[in-house]
Amino acid sequence: MEAKVCDLAAQQCRPCEGGTPPLPPDEAGRLLEGLPGWELADGVIRKRFEFKNYSQTMAFVNAVAWIAQSQGHHPDLEVSYRSCRVSYSTHAIGGLSENDFICAARVEALFQ
């Protein structure tokens, strides 16, 4: 069954510690199906968001930062004038966790 953005976005991140195994590839793939436009590459999930101008880009970056702080789970951000690439992985476990997908869904929900 496909995970939906709204289902994931309603969840809360849980602390991940070393020793917790990363998600198996099939589970990561299933969760990714619920995140339109997100891709899995090099052990991270990521998406590039495009904007009309710098102000919109920075408003988005600030909203993503707020989500990160509220969930205690922080993405890598690549910011340029009219775009931002958001990348998630769980460094503490050396792979993907459900937290990555929860936060990606929360970012995706900014546009719905």
PDB file of N, CA and C in Angstrom:
ATOM      1  N   MET A   1       0.845  -1.185   0.000  1.00  0.00           N
ATOM      2  CA  MET A   1       0.000   0.000   0.000  1.00  0.00           C
ATOM      3  C   MET A   1       0.885   1.241   0.000  1.00  0.00           C
ATOM      4  N   GLU A   2       0.569   2.187  -0.841  1.00  0.00           N
ATOM      5  CA  GLU A   2       1.348   3.417  -0.999  1.00  0.00           C
ATOM      6  C   GLU A   2       1.110   4.364   0.175  1.00  0.00           C
ATOM      7  N   ALA A   3       2.209   4.887   0.736  1.00  0.00           N
ATOM      8  CA  ALA A   3       2.098   5.913   1.778  1.00  0.00           C
ATOM      9  C   ALA A   3       1.719   7.220   1.103  1.00  0.00           C
ATOM     10  N   LYS A   4       0.837   7.964   1.709  1.00  0.00           N
ATOM     11  CA  LYS A   4       0.409   9.248   1.153  1.00  0.00           C
ATOM     12  C   LYS A   4       1.113  10.380   1.890  1.00  0.00           C
ATOM     13  N   VAL A   5       1.304  11.500   1.178  1.00  0.00           N
ATOM     14  CA  VAL A   5       1.968  12.665   1.769  1.00  0.00           C
ATOM     15  C   VAL A   5       1.284  13.070   3.066  1.00  0.00           C
ATOM     16  N   CYS A   6      -0.050  13.158   3.046  1.00  0.00           N
ATOM     17  CA  CYS A   6      -0.756  13.630   4.241  1.00  0.00           C
ATOM     18  C   CYS A   6      -0.564  12.665   5.413  1.00  0.00           C
ATOM     19  N   ASP A   7      -0.496  11.353   5.129  1.00  0.00           N
ATOM     20  CA  ASP A   7      -0.286  10.374   6.192  1.00  0.00           C
ATOM     21  C   ASP A   7       1.095  10.550   6.824  1.00  0.00           C
ATOM     22  N   LEU A   8       2.115  10.672   5.987  1.00  0.00           N
ATOM     23  CA  LEU A   8       3.467  10.851   6.497  1.00  0.00           C
ATOM     24  C   LEU A   8       3.621  12.188   7.208  1.00  0.00           C
ATOM     25  N   ALA A   9       3.056  13.244   6.636  1.00  0.00           N
ATOM     26  CA  ALA A   9       3.208  14.585   7.199  1.00  0.00           C
ATOM     27  C   ALA A   9       2.553  14.702   8.569  1.00  0.00           C
ATOM     28  N   ALA A  10       1.593  13.854   8.866  1.00  0.00           N
ATOM     29  CA  ALA A  10       0.908  13.899  10.158  1.00  0.00           C
ATOM     30  C   ALA A  10       1.716  13.214  11.260  1.00  0.00           C
ATOM     31  N   GLN A  11       2.762  12.491  10.883  1.00  0.00           N
ATOM     32  CA  GLN A  11       3.569  11.776  11.869  1.00  0.00           C
ATOM     33  C   GLN A  11       4.649  12.680  12.453  1.00  0.00           C
ATOM     34  N   GLN A  12       5.191  12.257  13.574  1.00  0.00           N
ATOM     35  CA  GLN A  12       6.281  12.970  14.234  1.00  0.00           C
ATOM     36  C   GLN A  12       7.563  12.155  14.113  1.00  0.00           C
ATOM     37  N   CYS A  13       8.681  12.833  13.954  1.00  0.00           N
ATOM     38  CA  CYS A  13       9.976  12.156  13.931  1.00  0.00           C
ATOM     39  C   CYS A  13      10.288  11.597  15.311  1.00  0.00           C
ATOM     40  N   ARG A  14      10.973  10.463  15.290  1.00  0.00           N
ATOM     41  CA  ARG A  14      11.443   9.841  16.529  1.00  0.00           C
ATOM     42  C   ARG A  14      12.968   9.838  16.508  1.00  0.00           C
ATOM     43  N   PRO A  15      13.591   9.970  17.670  1.00  0.00           N
ATOM     44  CA  PRO A  15      15.053   9.973  17.699  1.00  0.00           C
ATOM     45  C   PRO A  15      15.634   8.692  17.095  1.00  0.00           C
ATOM     46  N   CYS A  16      16.670   8.848  16.272  1.00  0.00           N
ATOM     47  CA  CYS A  16      17.405   7.722  15.698  1.00  0.00           C
ATOM     48  C   CYS A  16      18.805   7.744  16.277  1.00  0.00           C
ATOM     49  N   GLU A  17      19.275   6.583  16.662  1.00  0.00           N
ATOM     50  CA  GLU A  17      20.615   6.495  17.214  1.00  0.00           C
ATOM     51  C   GLU A  17      21.409   5.469  16.429  1.00  0.00           C
ATOM     52  N   GLY A  18      22.725   5.559  16.537  1.00  0.00           N
ATOM     53  CA  GLY A  18      23.585   4.568  15.902  1.00  0.00           C
ATOM     54  C   GLY A  18      23.163   3.180  16.339  1.00  0.00           C
ATOM     55  N   GLY A  19      23.278   2.223  15.452  1.00  0.00           N
ATOM     56  CA  GLY A  19      22.839   0.867  15.752  1.00  0.00           C
ATOM     57  C   GLY A  19      21.451   0.570  15.215  1.00  0.00           C
ATOM     58  N   THR A  20      20.671   1.620  14.936  1.00  0.00           N
ATOM     59  CA  THR A  20      19.367   1.437  14.303  1.00  0.00           C
ATOM     60  C   THR A  20      19.630   1.164  12.822  1.00  0.00           C
ATOM     61  N   PRO A  21      19.066   0.087  12.283  1.00  0.00           N
ATOM     62  CA  PRO A  21      19.336  -0.188  10.867  1.00  0.00           C
ATOM     63  C   PRO A  21      18.603   0.782   9.942  1.00  0.00           C
ATOM     64  N   PRO A  22      19.223   1.144   8.820  1.00  0.00           N
ATOM     65  CA  PRO A  22      18.521   1.963   7.829  1.00  0.00           C
ATOM     66  C   PRO A  22      17.336   1.184   7.256  1.00  0.00           C
ATOM     67  N   LEU A  23      16.404   1.905   6.646  1.00  0.00           N
ATOM     68  CA  LEU A  23      15.267   1.256   6.002  1.00  0.00           C
ATOM     69  C   LEU A  23      15.749   0.341   4.889  1.00  0.00           C
ATOM     70  N   PRO A  24      15.127  -0.821   4.756  1.00  0.00           N
ATOM     71  CA  PRO A  24      15.451  -1.677   3.609  1.00  0.00           C
ATOM     72  C   PRO A  24      15.039  -0.979   2.306  1.00  0.00           C
ATOM     73  N   PRO A  25      15.714  -1.265   1.198  1.00  0.00           N
ATOM     74  CA  PRO A  25      15.401  -0.597  -0.073  1.00  0.00           C
ATOM     75  C   PRO A  25      13.933  -0.702  -0.484  1.00  0.00           C
ATOM     76  N   ASP A  26      13.289  -1.840  -0.245  1.00  0.00           N
ATOM     77  CA  ASP A  26      11.886  -1.970  -0.653  1.00  0.00           C
ATOM     78  C   ASP A  26      10.970  -1.061   0.156  1.00  0.00           C
ATOM     79  N   GLU A  27      11.261  -0.888   1.440  1.00  0.00           N
ATOM     80  CA  GLU A  27      10.468   0.013   2.285  1.00  0.00           C
ATOM     81  C   GLU A  27      10.705   1.464   1.881  1.00  0.00           C
ATOM     82  N   ALA A  28      11.959   1.822   1.602  1.00  0.00           N
ATOM     83  CA  ALA A  28      12.272   3.183   1.146  1.00  0.00           C
ATOM     84  C   ALA A  28      11.551   3.464  -0.170  1.00  0.00           C
ATOM     85  N   GLY A  29      11.547   2.500  -1.068  1.00  0.00           N
ATOM     86  CA  GLY A  29      10.853   2.666  -2.348  1.00  0.00           C
ATOM     87  C   GLY A  29       9.360   2.847  -2.177  1.00  0.00           C
ATOM     88  N   ARG A  30       8.773   2.097  -1.255  1.00  0.00           N
ATOM     89  CA  ARG A  30       7.339   2.224  -0.991  1.00  0.00           C
ATOM     90  C   ARG A  30       7.007   3.610  -0.455  1.00  0.00           C
ATOM     91  N   LEU A  31       7.800   4.092   0.487  1.00  0.00           N
ATOM     92  CA  LEU A  31       7.558   5.422   1.051  1.00  0.00           C
ATOM     93  C   LEU A  31       7.790   6.516   0.010  1.00  0.00           C
ATOM     94  N   LEU A  32       8.769   6.318  -0.851  1.00  0.00           N
ATOM     95  CA  LEU A  32       9.081   7.311  -1.887  1.00  0.00           C
ATOM     96  C   LEU A  32       7.917   7.472  -2.866  1.00  0.00           C
ATOM     97  N   GLU A  33       7.155   6.408  -3.099  1.00  0.00           N
ATOM     98  CA  GLU A  33       6.013   6.477  -4.012  1.00  0.00           C
ATOM     99  C   GLU A  33       5.000   7.538  -3.591  1.00  0.00           C
ATOM    100  N   GLY A  34       4.929   7.834  -2.310  1.00  0.00           N
ATOM    101  CA  GLY A  34       3.990   8.829  -1.805  1.00  0.00           C
ATOM    102  C   GLY A  34       4.508  10.256  -1.858  1.00  0.00           C
ATOM    103  N   LEU A  35       5.701  10.446  -2.407  1.00  0.00           N
ATOM    104  CA  LEU A  35       6.318  11.777  -2.458  1.00  0.00           C
ATOM    105  C   LEU A  35       6.574  12.170  -3.912  1.00  0.00           C
ATOM    106  N   PRO A  36       5.607  12.826  -4.548  1.00  0.00           N
ATOM    107  CA  PRO A  36       5.756  13.153  -5.964  1.00  0.00           C
ATOM    108  C   PRO A  36       6.967  14.054  -6.235  1.00  0.00           C
ATOM    109  N   GLY A  37       7.752  13.645  -7.228  1.00  0.00           N
ATOM    110  CA  GLY A  37       8.896  14.455  -7.636  1.00  0.00           C
ATOM    111  C   GLY A  37      10.166  14.214  -6.835  1.00  0.00           C
ATOM    112  N   TRP A  38      10.083  13.482  -5.743  1.00  0.00           N
ATOM    113  CA  TRP A  38      11.273  13.169  -4.948  1.00  0.00           C
ATOM    114  C   TRP A  38      11.965  11.979  -5.586  1.00  0.00           C
ATOM    115  N   GLU A  39      13.300  11.963  -5.480  1.00  0.00           N
ATOM    116  CA  GLU A  39      14.072  10.862  -6.024  1.00  0.00           C
ATOM    117  C   GLU A  39      15.011  10.300  -4.974  1.00  0.00           C
ATOM    118  N   LEU A  40      15.352   9.052  -5.152  1.00  0.00           N
ATOM    119  CA  LEU A  40      16.321   8.384  -4.295  1.00  0.00           C
ATOM    120  C   LEU A  40      17.605   8.242  -5.092  1.00  0.00           C
ATOM    121  N   ALA A  41      18.685   8.824  -4.584  1.00  0.00           N
ATOM    122  CA  ALA A  41      19.980   8.751  -5.257  1.00  0.00           C
ATOM    123  C   ALA A  41      21.087   8.854  -4.224  1.00  0.00           C
ATOM    124  N   ASP A  42      22.077   8.019  -4.362  1.00  0.00           N
ATOM    125  CA  ASP A  42      23.252   8.071  -3.483  1.00  0.00           C
ATOM    126  C   ASP A  42      22.883   8.001  -2.009  1.00  0.00           C
ATOM    127  N   GLY A  43      21.857   7.221  -1.671  1.00  0.00           N
ATOM    128  CA  GLY A  43      21.483   7.028  -0.270  1.00  0.00           C
ATOM    129  C   GLY A  43      20.720   8.169   0.366  1.00  0.00           C
ATOM    130  N   VAL A  44      20.241   9.120  -0.442  1.00  0.00           N
ATOM    131  CA  VAL A  44      19.440  10.230   0.078  1.00  0.00           C
ATOM    132  C   VAL A  44      18.170  10.364  -0.763  1.00  0.00           C
ATOM    133  N   ILE A  45      17.152  10.976  -0.175  1.00  0.00           N
ATOM    134  CA  ILE A  45      15.995  11.378  -0.965  1.00  0.00           C
ATOM    135  C   ILE A  45      16.103  12.877  -1.156  1.00  0.00           C
ATOM    136  N   ARG A  46      15.744  13.327  -2.359  1.00  0.00           N
ATOM    137  CA  ARG A  46      15.910  14.751  -2.643  1.00  0.00           C
ATOM    138  C   ARG A  46      14.915  15.225  -3.690  1.00  0.00           C
ATOM    139  N   LYS A  47      14.717  16.550  -3.647  1.00  0.00           N
ATOM    140  CA  LYS A  47      13.864  17.197  -4.640  1.00  0.00           C
ATOM    141  C   LYS A  47      14.312  18.638  -4.793  1.00  0.00           C
ATOM    142  N   ARG A  48      14.230  19.132  -6.024  1.00  0.00           N
ATOM    143  CA  ARG A  48      14.541  20.536  -6.310  1.00  0.00           C
ATOM    144  C   ARG A  48      13.222  21.276  -6.459  1.00  0.00           C
ATOM    145  N   PHE A  49      13.104  22.383  -5.746  1.00  0.00           N
ATOM    146  CA  PHE A  49      11.923  23.233  -5.787  1.00  0.00           C
ATOM    147  C   PHE A  49      12.295  24.528  -6.506  1.00  0.00           C
ATOM    148  N   GLU A  50      11.455  24.960  -7.432  1.00  0.00           N
ATOM    149  CA  GLU A  50      11.690  26.164  -8.232  1.00  0.00           C
ATOM    150  C   GLU A  50      10.739  27.282  -7.794  1.00  0.00           C
ATOM    151  N   PHE A  51      11.227  28.532  -7.854  1.00  0.00           N
ATOM    152  CA  PHE A  51      10.453  29.685  -7.414  1.00  0.00           C
ATOM    153  C   PHE A  51      10.566  30.827  -8.418  1.00  0.00           C
ATOM    154  N   LYS A  52       9.709  31.821  -8.266  1.00  0.00           N
ATOM    155  CA  LYS A  52       9.708  32.966  -9.180  1.00  0.00           C
ATOM    156  C   LYS A  52      10.835  33.950  -8.890  1.00  0.00           C
ATOM    157  N   ASN A  53      11.255  34.024  -7.620  1.00  0.00           N
ATOM    158  CA  ASN A  53      12.273  35.014  -7.259  1.00  0.00           C
ATOM    159  C   ASN A  53      12.974  34.612  -5.962  1.00  0.00           C
ATOM    160  N   TYR A  54      13.954  35.405  -5.601  1.00  0.00           N
ATOM    161  CA  TYR A  54      14.760  35.132  -4.416  1.00  0.00           C
ATOM    162  C   TYR A  54      13.935  35.184  -3.130  1.00  0.00           C
ATOM    163  N   SER A  55      13.012  36.113  -3.046  1.00  0.00           N
ATOM    164  CA  SER A  55      12.188  36.234  -1.834  1.00  0.00           C
ATOM    165  C   SER A  55      11.373  34.970  -1.586  1.00  0.00           C
ATOM    166  N   GLN A  56      10.789  34.416  -2.649  1.00  0.00           N
ATOM    167  CA  GLN A  56      10.023  33.170  -2.494  1.00  0.00           C
ATOM    168  C   GLN A  56      10.944  32.015  -2.099  1.00  0.00           C
ATOM    169  N   THR A  57      12.123  31.976  -2.687  1.00  0.00           N
ATOM    170  CA  THR A  57      13.083  30.929  -2.334  1.00  0.00           C
ATOM    171  C   THR A  57      13.429  31.001  -0.856  1.00  0.00           C
ATOM    172  N   MET A  58      13.719  32.200  -0.368  1.00  0.00           N
ATOM    173  CA  MET A  58      14.118  32.342   1.033  1.00  0.00           C
ATOM    174  C   MET A  58      12.961  32.078   1.988  1.00  0.00           C
ATOM    175  N   ALA A  59      11.741  32.425   1.600  1.00  0.00           N
ATOM    176  CA  ALA A  59      10.578  32.095   2.432  1.00  0.00           C
ATOM    177  C   ALA A  59      10.451  30.583   2.558  1.00  0.00           C
ATOM    178  N   PHE A  60      10.661  29.873   1.459  1.00  0.00           N
ATOM    179  CA  PHE A  60      10.635  28.414   1.473  1.00  0.00           C
ATOM    180  C   PHE A  60      11.736  27.865   2.377  1.00  0.00           C
ATOM    181  N   VAL A  61      12.952  28.375   2.230  1.00  0.00           N
ATOM    182  CA  VAL A  61      14.079  27.921   3.054  1.00  0.00           C
ATOM    183  C   VAL A  61      13.764  28.118   4.537  1.00  0.00           C
ATOM    184  N   ASN A  62      13.192  29.252   4.889  1.00  0.00           N
ATOM    185  CA  ASN A  62      12.835  29.499   6.287  1.00  0.00           C
ATOM    186  C   ASN A  62      11.758  28.543   6.779  1.00  0.00           C
ATOM    187  N   ALA A  63      10.798  28.216   5.918  1.00  0.00           N
ATOM    188  CA  ALA A  63       9.751  27.260   6.305  1.00  0.00           C
ATOM    189  C   ALA A  63      10.351  25.866   6.500  1.00  0.00           C
ATOM    190  N   VAL A  64      11.272  25.478   5.631  1.00  0.00           N
ATOM    191  CA  VAL A  64      11.942  24.182   5.774  1.00  0.00           C
ATOM    192  C   VAL A  64      12.763  24.162   7.063  1.00  0.00           C
ATOM    193  N   ALA A  65      13.433  25.263   7.367  1.00  0.00           N
ATOM    194  CA  ALA A  65      14.216  25.346   8.609  1.00  0.00           C
ATOM    195  C   ALA A  65      13.313  25.201   9.829  1.00  0.00           C
ATOM    196  N   TRP A  66      12.122  25.790   9.780  1.00  0.00           N
ATOM    197  CA  TRP A  66      11.184  25.662  10.891  1.00  0.00           C
ATOM    198  C   TRP A  66      10.746  24.204  11.060  1.00  0.00           C
ATOM    199  N   ILE A  67      10.442  23.535   9.954  1.00  0.00           N
ATOM    200  CA  ILE A  67      10.079  22.114  10.017  1.00  0.00           C
ATOM    201  C   ILE A  67      11.233  21.310  10.628  1.00  0.00           C
ATOM    202  N   ALA A  68      12.441  21.573  10.175  1.00  0.00           N
ATOM    203  CA  ALA A  68      13.614  20.854  10.670  1.00  0.00           C
ATOM    204  C   ALA A  68      13.773  21.024  12.181  1.00  0.00           C
ATOM    205  N   GLN A  69      13.659  22.248  12.646  1.00  0.00           N
ATOM    206  CA  GLN A  69      13.805  22.499  14.084  1.00  0.00           C
ATOM    207  C   GLN A  69      12.680  21.853  14.886  1.00  0.00           C
ATOM    208  N   SER A  70      11.463  21.930  14.372  1.00  0.00           N
ATOM    209  CA  SER A  70      10.326  21.371  15.113  1.00  0.00           C
ATOM    210  C   SER A  70      10.391  19.846  15.175  1.00  0.00           C
ATOM    211  N   GLN A  71      11.008  19.216  14.188  1.00  0.00           N
ATOM    212  CA  GLN A  71      11.105  17.756  14.156  1.00  0.00           C
ATOM    213  C   GLN A  71      12.452  17.230  14.659  1.00  0.00           C
ATOM    214  N   GLY A  72      13.412  18.132  14.853  1.00  0.00           N
ATOM    215  CA  GLY A  72      14.736  17.691  15.285  1.00  0.00           C
ATOM    216  C   GLY A  72      15.432  16.846  14.226  1.00  0.00           C
ATOM    217  N   HIS A  73      15.123  17.119  12.958  1.00  0.00           N
ATOM    218  CA  HIS A  73      15.697  16.347  11.855  1.00  0.00           C
ATOM    219  C   HIS A  73      15.982  17.325  10.719  1.00  0.00           C
ATOM    220  N   HIS A  74      17.236  17.444  10.349  1.00  0.00           N
ATOM    221  CA  HIS A  74      17.663  18.544   9.484  1.00  0.00           C
ATOM    222  C   HIS A  74      18.146  18.067   8.118  1.00  0.00           C
ATOM    223  N   PRO A  75      17.660  18.705   7.048  1.00  0.00           N
ATOM    224  CA  PRO A  75      18.094  18.339   5.698  1.00  0.00           C
ATOM    225  C   PRO A  75      19.358  19.083   5.299  1.00  0.00           C
ATOM    226  N   ASP A  76      19.927  18.642   4.195  1.00  0.00           N
ATOM    227  CA  ASP A  76      20.939  19.426   3.505  1.00  0.00           C
ATOM    228  C   ASP A  76      20.183  20.274   2.494  1.00  0.00           C
ATOM    229  N   LEU A  77      20.524  21.545   2.416  1.00  0.00           N
ATOM    230  CA  LEU A  77      19.866  22.469   1.492  1.00  0.00           C
ATOM    231  C   LEU A  77      20.907  23.067   0.553  1.00  0.00           C
ATOM    232  N   GLU A  78      20.571  23.088  -0.735  1.00  0.00           N
ATOM    233  CA  GLU A  78      21.370  23.788  -1.733  1.00  0.00           C
ATOM    234  C   GLU A  78      20.497  24.923  -2.250  1.00  0.00           C
ATOM    235  N   VAL A  79      20.868  26.143  -1.901  1.00  0.00           N
ATOM    236  CA  VAL A  79      20.029  27.305  -2.197  1.00  0.00           C
ATOM    237  C   VAL A  79      20.658  28.143  -3.295  1.00  0.00           C
ATOM    238  N   SER A  80      19.841  28.504  -4.286  1.00  0.00           N
ATOM    239  CA  SER A  80      20.271  29.450  -5.306  1.00  0.00           C
ATOM    240  C   SER A  80      19.174  30.505  -5.464  1.00  0.00           C
ATOM    241  N   TYR A  81      19.334  31.384  -6.404  1.00  0.00           N
ATOM    242  CA  TYR A  81      18.436  32.533  -6.533  1.00  0.00           C
ATOM    243  C   TYR A  81      16.970  32.133  -6.644  1.00  0.00           C
ATOM    244  N   ARG A  82      16.651  31.166  -7.512  1.00  0.00           N
ATOM    245  CA  ARG A  82      15.251  30.791  -7.725  1.00  0.00           C
ATOM    246  C   ARG A  82      14.988  29.309  -7.517  1.00  0.00           C
ATOM    247  N   SER A  83      15.822  28.658  -6.717  1.00  0.00           N
ATOM    248  CA  SER A  83      15.574  27.240  -6.450  1.00  0.00           C
ATOM    249  C   SER A  83      16.242  26.808  -5.158  1.00  0.00           C
ATOM    250  N   CYS A  84      15.766  25.674  -4.675  1.00  0.00           N
ATOM    251  CA  CYS A  84      16.358  25.063  -3.488  1.00  0.00           C
ATOM    252  C   CYS A  84      16.225  23.552  -3.627  1.00  0.00           C
ATOM    253  N   ARG A  85      17.325  22.854  -3.476  1.00  0.00           N
ATOM    254  CA  ARG A  85      17.288  21.393  -3.442  1.00  0.00           C
ATOM    255  C   ARG A  85      17.330  20.964  -1.980  1.00  0.00           C
ATOM    256  N   VAL A  86      16.371  20.133  -1.605  1.00  0.00           N
ATOM    257  CA  VAL A  86      16.265  19.607  -0.246  1.00  0.00           C
ATOM    258  C   VAL A  86      16.659  18.133  -0.295  1.00  0.00           C
ATOM    259  N   SER A  87      17.599  17.734   0.553  1.00  0.00           N
ATOM    260  CA  SER A  87      18.064  16.343   0.603  1.00  0.00           C
ATOM    261  C   SER A  87      18.002  15.842   2.037  1.00  0.00           C
ATOM    262  N   TYR A  88      17.441  14.653   2.185  1.00  0.00           N
ATOM    263  CA  TYR A  88      17.345  14.033   3.509  1.00  0.00           C
ATOM    264  C   TYR A  88      18.037  12.682   3.529  1.00  0.00           C
ATOM    265  N   SER A  89      18.742  12.429   4.614  1.00  0.00           N
ATOM    266  CA  SER A  89      19.228  11.110   5.011  1.00  0.00           C
ATOM    267  C   SER A  89      19.461  11.200   6.518  1.00  0.00           C
ATOM    268  N   THR A  90      19.584  10.071   7.153  1.00  0.00           N
ATOM    269  CA  THR A  90      19.798  10.066   8.598  1.00  0.00           C
ATOM    270  C   THR A  90      21.250   9.696   8.860  1.00  0.00           C
ATOM    271  N   HIS A  91      22.058  10.711   9.111  1.00  0.00           N
ATOM    272  CA  HIS A  91      23.500  10.529   9.258  1.00  0.00           C
ATOM    273  C   HIS A  91      23.839   9.579  10.407  1.00  0.00           C
ATOM    274  N   ALA A  92      23.064   9.612  11.499  1.00  0.00           N
ATOM    275  CA  ALA A  92      23.366   8.797  12.674  1.00  0.00           C
ATOM    276  C   ALA A  92      23.309   7.302  12.378  1.00  0.00           C
ATOM    277  N   ILE A  93      22.532   6.907  11.350  1.00  0.00           N
ATOM    278  CA  ILE A  93      22.422   5.481  11.030  1.00  0.00           C
ATOM    279  C   ILE A  93      23.045   5.147   9.677  1.00  0.00           C
ATOM    280  N   GLY A  94      23.571   6.149   8.991  1.00  0.00           N
ATOM    281  CA  GLY A  94      24.229   5.913   7.715  1.00  0.00           C
ATOM    282  C   GLY A  94      23.296   5.466   6.600  1.00  0.00           C
ATOM    283  N   GLY A  95      22.077   5.985   6.608  1.00  0.00           N
ATOM    284  CA  GLY A  95      21.117   5.625   5.564  1.00  0.00           C
ATOM    285  C   GLY A  95      19.810   6.351   5.782  1.00  0.00           C
ATOM    286  N   LEU A  96      18.760   5.804   5.202  1.00  0.00           N
ATOM    287  CA  LEU A  96      17.442   6.426   5.305  1.00  0.00           C
ATOM    288  C   LEU A  96      16.647   5.853   6.464  1.00  0.00           C
ATOM    289  N   SER A  97      15.920   6.742   7.131  1.00  0.00           N
ATOM    290  CA  SER A  97      14.988   6.339   8.184  1.00  0.00           C
ATOM    291  C   SER A  97      13.609   6.880   7.833  1.00  0.00           C
ATOM    292  N   GLU A  98      12.622   6.446   8.557  1.00  0.00           N
ATOM    293  CA  GLU A  98      11.274   6.967   8.344  1.00  0.00           C
ATOM    294  C   GLU A  98      11.234   8.481   8.563  1.00  0.00           C
ATOM    295  N   ASN A  99      12.090   9.005   9.441  1.00  0.00           N
ATOM    296  CA  ASN A  99      12.147  10.445   9.695  1.00  0.00           C
ATOM    297  C   ASN A  99      12.403  11.238   8.415  1.00  0.00           C
ATOM    298  N   ASP A 100      13.234  10.703   7.536  1.00  0.00           N
ATOM    299  CA  ASP A 100      13.528  11.394   6.273  1.00  0.00           C
ATOM    300  C   ASP A 100      12.265  11.571   5.452  1.00  0.00           C
ATOM    301  N   PHE A 101      11.440  10.546   5.418  1.00  0.00           N
ATOM    302  CA  PHE A 101      10.209  10.585   4.634  1.00  0.00           C
ATOM    303  C   PHE A 101       9.137  11.446   5.307  1.00  0.00           C
ATOM    304  N   ILE A 102       9.102  11.428   6.627  1.00  0.00           N
ATOM    305  CA  ILE A 102       8.166  12.294   7.359  1.00  0.00           C
ATOM    306  C   ILE A 102       8.481  13.759   7.065  1.00  0.00           C
ATOM    307  N   CYS A 103       9.752  14.124   7.165  1.00  0.00           N
ATOM    308  CA  CYS A 103      10.125  15.523   6.926  1.00  0.00           C
ATOM    309  C   CYS A 103       9.938  15.903   5.458  1.00  0.00           C
ATOM    310  N   ALA A 104      10.250  15.007   4.541  1.00  0.00           N
ATOM    311  CA  ALA A 104      10.026  15.286   3.126  1.00  0.00           C
ATOM    312  C   ALA A 104       8.537  15.510   2.870  1.00  0.00           C
ATOM    313  N   ALA A 105       7.686  14.728   3.502  1.00  0.00           N
ATOM    314  CA  ALA A 105       6.243  14.905   3.336  1.00  0.00           C
ATOM    315  C   ALA A 105       5.789  16.232   3.906  1.00  0.00           C
ATOM    316  N   ARG A 106       6.360  16.651   5.004  1.00  0.00           N
ATOM    317  CA  ARG A 106       6.014  17.949   5.585  1.00  0.00           C
ATOM    318  C   ARG A 106       6.441  19.089   4.656  1.00  0.00           C
ATOM    319  N   VAL A 107       7.609  18.954   4.035  1.00  0.00           N
ATOM    320  CA  VAL A 107       8.057  19.957   3.066  1.00  0.00           C
ATOM    321  C   VAL A 107       7.115  19.950   1.862  1.00  0.00           C
ATOM    322  N   GLU A 108       6.775  18.776   1.390  1.00  0.00           N
ATOM    323  CA  GLU A 108       5.863  18.661   0.245  1.00  0.00           C
ATOM    324  C   GLU A 108       4.504  19.285   0.553  1.00  0.00           C
ATOM    325  N   ALA A 109       4.043  19.147   1.781  1.00  0.00           N
ATOM    326  CA  ALA A 109       2.749  19.689   2.186  1.00  0.00           C
ATOM    327  C   ALA A 109       2.712  21.225   2.138  1.00  0.00           C
ATOM    328  N   LEU A 110       3.883  21.851   2.144  1.00  0.00           N
ATOM    329  CA  LEU A 110       3.919  23.319   2.014  1.00  0.00           C
ATOM    330  C   LEU A 110       3.260  23.769   0.706  1.00  0.00           C
ATOM    331  N   PHE A 111       3.257  22.911  -0.295  1.00  0.00           N
ATOM    332  CA  PHE A 111       2.743  23.261  -1.624  1.00  0.00           C
ATOM    333  C   PHE A 111       1.332  22.767  -1.870  1.00  0.00           C
ATOM    334  N   GLN A 112       0.747  22.060  -0.930  1.00  0.00           N
ATOM    335  CA  GLN A 112      -0.593  21.519  -1.152  1.00  0.00           C
ATOM    336  C   GLN A 112      -1.659  22.370  -0.514  1.00  0.00           C
TER     337      GLN A 112
END
